[in-house]
Amino acid sequence: MDASVVSNIIREGLFIVIKVSAPILLVSLITGLIVSVFQTVTSIQEQTLTFVPKVLLTFAGIILLGNWMGTQITDFMYQLWTNFSIYIR
């Protein structure tokens, strides 16, 4: 196994991490933005107000996208294990 194969595996692994985490991070970001705009408009300065909506919507996102996320990670691991004989050369 040479450096290009290792580099390719690392690149694919990082891409999977970004692809799987991006939807949940976007849900959290958009929720925080909406709550911040609401706080600005209503002049409510409660710091804990953003916590509950973020937790609930992030949890809902994990419930909705969890199967897809697991499938992406499982497919990547399956690809690594099926090509294992190529990597040990």
N, C-alpha and C. Protein backbone atom coordinates (compact mmCIF):
# COMPACT_ATOMS: atom_id res chain seq x y z
N MET A 1 0.86 -1.17 0.00
CA MET A 1 0.00 0.00 0.00
C MET A 1 0.90 1.23 0.00
N ASP A 2 0.66 2.10 -0.94
CA ASP A 2 1.48 3.30 -1.03
C ASP A 2 0.71 4.52 -0.51
N ALA A 3 1.37 5.64 -0.56
CA ALA A 3 0.81 6.87 0.01
C ALA A 3 -0.45 7.33 -0.72
N SER A 4 -0.55 7.05 -2.00
CA SER A 4 -1.74 7.50 -2.74
C SER A 4 -2.99 6.75 -2.30
N VAL A 5 -2.84 5.46 -1.99
CA VAL A 5 -4.00 4.68 -1.51
C VAL A 5 -4.44 5.18 -0.15
N VAL A 6 -3.48 5.42 0.74
CA VAL A 6 -3.81 5.95 2.06
C VAL A 6 -4.46 7.32 1.95
N SER A 7 -3.93 8.15 1.09
CA SER A 7 -4.49 9.48 0.87
C SER A 7 -5.92 9.39 0.34
N ASN A 8 -6.17 8.46 -0.55
CA ASN A 8 -7.51 8.27 -1.10
C ASN A 8 -8.49 7.81 -0.03
N ILE A 9 -8.07 6.88 0.83
CA ILE A 9 -8.93 6.40 1.91
C ILE A 9 -9.26 7.54 2.88
N ILE A 10 -8.26 8.33 3.23
CA ILE A 10 -8.48 9.45 4.14
C ILE A 10 -9.41 10.47 3.51
N ARG A 11 -9.21 10.76 2.22
CA ARG A 11 -10.07 11.72 1.53
C ARG A 11 -11.51 11.24 1.51
N GLU A 12 -11.73 9.97 1.18
CA GLU A 12 -13.09 9.43 1.16
C GLU A 12 -13.71 9.43 2.55
N GLY A 13 -12.91 9.10 3.57
CA GLY A 13 -13.41 9.10 4.93
C GLY A 13 -13.83 10.49 5.39
N LEU A 14 -13.01 11.49 5.10
CA LEU A 14 -13.37 12.86 5.47
C LEU A 14 -14.59 13.35 4.71
N PHE A 15 -14.71 12.95 3.44
CA PHE A 15 -15.89 13.33 2.67
C PHE A 15 -17.15 12.72 3.26
N ILE A 16 -17.07 11.46 3.71
CA ILE A 16 -18.22 10.81 4.34
C ILE A 16 -18.60 11.53 5.64
N VAL A 17 -17.61 11.91 6.43
CA VAL A 17 -17.88 12.63 7.68
C VAL A 17 -18.59 13.95 7.40
N ILE A 18 -18.12 14.68 6.41
CA ILE A 18 -18.74 15.96 6.07
C ILE A 18 -20.15 15.74 5.53
N LYS A 19 -20.30 14.76 4.65
CA LYS A 19 -21.60 14.50 4.03
C LYS A 19 -22.63 14.05 5.06
N VAL A 20 -22.21 13.26 6.04
CA VAL A 20 -23.14 12.75 7.04
C VAL A 20 -23.47 13.81 8.09
N SER A 21 -22.51 14.63 8.46
CA SER A 21 -22.76 15.60 9.53
C SER A 21 -23.38 16.90 9.03
N ALA A 22 -23.27 17.21 7.77
CA ALA A 22 -23.76 18.48 7.24
C ALA A 22 -25.26 18.71 7.46
N PRO A 23 -26.13 17.74 7.19
CA PRO A 23 -27.57 18.02 7.40
C PRO A 23 -27.91 18.36 8.85
N ILE A 24 -27.32 17.65 9.80
CA ILE A 24 -27.61 17.92 11.21
C ILE A 24 -27.06 19.28 11.62
N LEU A 25 -25.87 19.62 11.14
CA LEU A 25 -25.30 20.92 11.44
C LEU A 25 -26.11 22.05 10.82
N LEU A 26 -26.62 21.84 9.63
CA LEU A 26 -27.47 22.86 8.99
C LEU A 26 -28.77 23.06 9.74
N VAL A 27 -29.37 21.97 10.21
CA VAL A 27 -30.60 22.08 11.00
C VAL A 27 -30.34 22.90 12.26
N SER A 28 -29.25 22.61 12.93
CA SER A 28 -28.90 23.34 14.15
C SER A 28 -28.60 24.81 13.85
N LEU A 29 -27.89 25.07 12.77
CA LEU A 29 -27.56 26.44 12.38
C LEU A 29 -28.80 27.25 12.05
N ILE A 30 -29.68 26.68 11.25
CA ILE A 30 -30.90 27.39 10.84
C ILE A 30 -31.81 27.62 12.05
N THR A 31 -31.91 26.63 12.93
CA THR A 31 -32.72 26.80 14.14
C THR A 31 -32.17 27.92 15.01
N GLY A 32 -30.86 27.95 15.21
CA GLY A 32 -30.25 29.01 15.99
C GLY A 32 -30.46 30.38 15.37
N LEU A 33 -30.38 30.45 14.05
CA LEU A 33 -30.59 31.72 13.35
C LEU A 33 -32.02 32.21 13.52
N ILE A 34 -32.98 31.31 13.37
CA ILE A 34 -34.39 31.69 13.51
C ILE A 34 -34.68 32.15 14.94
N VAL A 35 -34.18 31.43 15.93
CA VAL A 35 -34.41 31.81 17.32
C VAL A 35 -33.71 33.13 17.63
N SER A 36 -32.53 33.36 17.08
CA SER A 36 -31.82 34.63 17.30
C SER A 36 -32.58 35.81 16.70
N VAL A 37 -33.14 35.61 15.51
CA VAL A 37 -33.94 36.68 14.91
C VAL A 37 -35.17 36.94 15.76
N PHE A 38 -35.80 35.87 16.25
CA PHE A 38 -36.97 36.02 17.13
C PHE A 38 -36.60 36.78 18.40
N GLN A 39 -35.44 36.45 18.98
CA GLN A 39 -35.00 37.14 20.19
C GLN A 39 -34.71 38.61 19.91
N THR A 40 -34.16 38.91 18.77
CA THR A 40 -33.85 40.29 18.42
C THR A 40 -35.14 41.09 18.21
N VAL A 41 -36.09 40.50 17.53
CA VAL A 41 -37.34 41.20 17.24
C VAL A 41 -38.13 41.45 18.52
N THR A 42 -38.16 40.48 19.42
CA THR A 42 -38.97 40.62 20.64
C THR A 42 -38.18 41.17 21.82
N SER A 43 -36.90 41.42 21.66
CA SER A 43 -36.02 41.93 22.72
C SER A 43 -35.93 41.00 23.92
N ILE A 44 -36.10 39.71 23.69
CA ILE A 44 -35.93 38.72 24.75
C ILE A 44 -34.46 38.34 24.76
N GLN A 45 -33.81 38.49 25.89
CA GLN A 45 -32.37 38.21 25.98
C GLN A 45 -32.09 36.98 26.83
N GLU A 46 -32.92 35.98 26.73
CA GLU A 46 -32.72 34.74 27.48
C GLU A 46 -31.76 33.83 26.71
N GLN A 47 -30.64 33.49 27.32
CA GLN A 47 -29.61 32.69 26.65
C GLN A 47 -30.03 31.24 26.47
N THR A 48 -30.88 30.72 27.35
CA THR A 48 -31.26 29.31 27.27
C THR A 48 -32.40 29.07 26.30
N LEU A 49 -32.94 30.11 25.69
CA LEU A 49 -34.08 29.96 24.78
C LEU A 49 -33.70 29.17 23.52
N THR A 50 -32.47 29.26 23.08
CA THR A 50 -32.08 28.55 21.86
C THR A 50 -31.81 27.07 22.11
N PHE A 51 -31.62 26.69 23.36
CA PHE A 51 -31.21 25.32 23.65
C PHE A 51 -32.30 24.29 23.31
N VAL A 52 -33.51 24.50 23.78
CA VAL A 52 -34.58 23.51 23.60
C VAL A 52 -34.94 23.33 22.13
N PRO A 53 -35.17 24.38 21.34
CA PRO A 53 -35.48 24.14 19.91
C PRO A 53 -34.35 23.45 19.16
N LYS A 54 -33.10 23.81 19.48
CA LYS A 54 -31.97 23.16 18.81
C LYS A 54 -31.91 21.68 19.13
N VAL A 55 -32.10 21.35 20.39
CA VAL A 55 -32.05 19.93 20.79
C VAL A 55 -33.18 19.16 20.14
N LEU A 56 -34.39 19.71 20.16
CA LEU A 56 -35.54 19.01 19.59
C LEU A 56 -35.40 18.82 18.08
N LEU A 57 -35.01 19.87 17.37
CA LEU A 57 -34.90 19.75 15.92
C LEU A 57 -33.69 18.92 15.49
N THR A 58 -32.62 18.98 16.26
CA THR A 58 -31.47 18.11 15.96
C THR A 58 -31.85 16.66 16.18
N PHE A 59 -32.56 16.38 17.24
CA PHE A 59 -33.04 15.01 17.50
C PHE A 59 -33.99 14.55 16.40
N ALA A 60 -34.88 15.43 15.95
CA ALA A 60 -35.79 15.09 14.85
C ALA A 60 -35.01 14.83 13.56
N GLY A 61 -33.98 15.62 13.32
CA GLY A 61 -33.15 15.40 12.14
C GLY A 61 -32.42 14.07 12.19
N ILE A 62 -31.94 13.70 13.37
CA ILE A 62 -31.28 12.40 13.52
C ILE A 62 -32.27 11.26 13.31
N ILE A 63 -33.49 11.43 13.81
CA ILE A 63 -34.51 10.40 13.60
C ILE A 63 -34.84 10.26 12.12
N LEU A 64 -35.00 11.38 11.43
CA LEU A 64 -35.37 11.34 10.01
C LEU A 64 -34.22 10.89 9.11
N LEU A 65 -33.00 11.31 9.42
CA LEU A 65 -31.86 11.04 8.55
C LEU A 65 -30.94 9.94 9.07
N GLY A 66 -31.28 9.37 10.21
CA GLY A 66 -30.40 8.37 10.82
C GLY A 66 -30.16 7.15 9.95
N ASN A 67 -31.19 6.68 9.28
CA ASN A 67 -31.05 5.52 8.41
C ASN A 67 -30.10 5.82 7.25
N TRP A 68 -30.27 6.99 6.64
CA TRP A 68 -29.38 7.39 5.55
C TRP A 68 -27.95 7.55 6.03
N MET A 69 -27.77 8.16 7.19
CA MET A 69 -26.43 8.36 7.74
C MET A 69 -25.77 7.01 8.02
N GLY A 70 -26.51 6.11 8.63
CA GLY A 70 -25.96 4.78 8.91
C GLY A 70 -25.61 4.02 7.65
N THR A 71 -26.45 4.16 6.62
CA THR A 71 -26.19 3.49 5.35
C THR A 71 -24.92 4.01 4.70
N GLN A 72 -24.72 5.33 4.74
CA GLN A 72 -23.51 5.91 4.15
C GLN A 72 -22.25 5.41 4.84
N ILE A 73 -22.28 5.38 6.16
CA ILE A 73 -21.11 4.92 6.92
C ILE A 73 -20.89 3.43 6.71
N THR A 74 -21.96 2.66 6.70
CA THR A 74 -21.85 1.22 6.50
C THR A 74 -21.32 0.89 5.12
N ASP A 75 -21.79 1.61 4.10
CA ASP A 75 -21.29 1.38 2.74
C ASP A 75 -19.80 1.68 2.63
N PHE A 76 -19.35 2.75 3.29
CA PHE A 76 -17.93 3.09 3.27
C PHE A 76 -17.12 2.00 3.95
N MET A 77 -17.58 1.52 5.08
CA MET A 77 -16.86 0.46 5.79
C MET A 77 -16.88 -0.85 4.99
N TYR A 78 -17.99 -1.14 4.34
CA TYR A 78 -18.06 -2.34 3.50
C TYR A 78 -17.05 -2.25 2.35
N GLN A 79 -16.94 -1.07 1.76
CA GLN A 79 -15.96 -0.86 0.69
C GLN A 79 -14.54 -1.05 1.20
N LEU A 80 -14.25 -0.55 2.38
CA LEU A 80 -12.91 -0.74 2.96
C LEU A 80 -12.61 -2.22 3.21
N TRP A 81 -13.56 -2.93 3.78
CA TRP A 81 -13.32 -4.35 4.11
C TRP A 81 -13.26 -5.23 2.87
N THR A 82 -14.06 -4.91 1.84
CA THR A 82 -14.01 -5.75 0.63
C THR A 82 -12.73 -5.52 -0.15
N ASN A 83 -12.14 -4.35 -0.05
CA ASN A 83 -10.89 -4.06 -0.74
C ASN A 83 -9.67 -4.28 0.15
N PHE A 84 -9.84 -4.97 1.25
CA PHE A 84 -8.75 -5.15 2.21
C PHE A 84 -7.57 -5.86 1.61
N SER A 85 -7.82 -6.84 0.72
CA SER A 85 -6.71 -7.56 0.12
C SER A 85 -5.86 -6.65 -0.77
N ILE A 86 -6.46 -5.64 -1.35
CA ILE A 86 -5.71 -4.69 -2.16
C ILE A 86 -4.82 -3.82 -1.27
N TYR A 87 -5.32 -3.48 -0.09
CA TYR A 87 -4.60 -2.56 0.79
C TYR A 87 -3.37 -3.20 1.44
N ILE A 88 -3.38 -4.51 1.62
CA ILE A 88 -2.25 -5.14 2.33
C ILE A 88 -1.10 -5.53 1.41
N ARG A 89 -1.22 -5.27 0.15
CA ARG A 89 -0.13 -5.57 -0.78
C ARG A 89 1.02 -4.65 -0.62
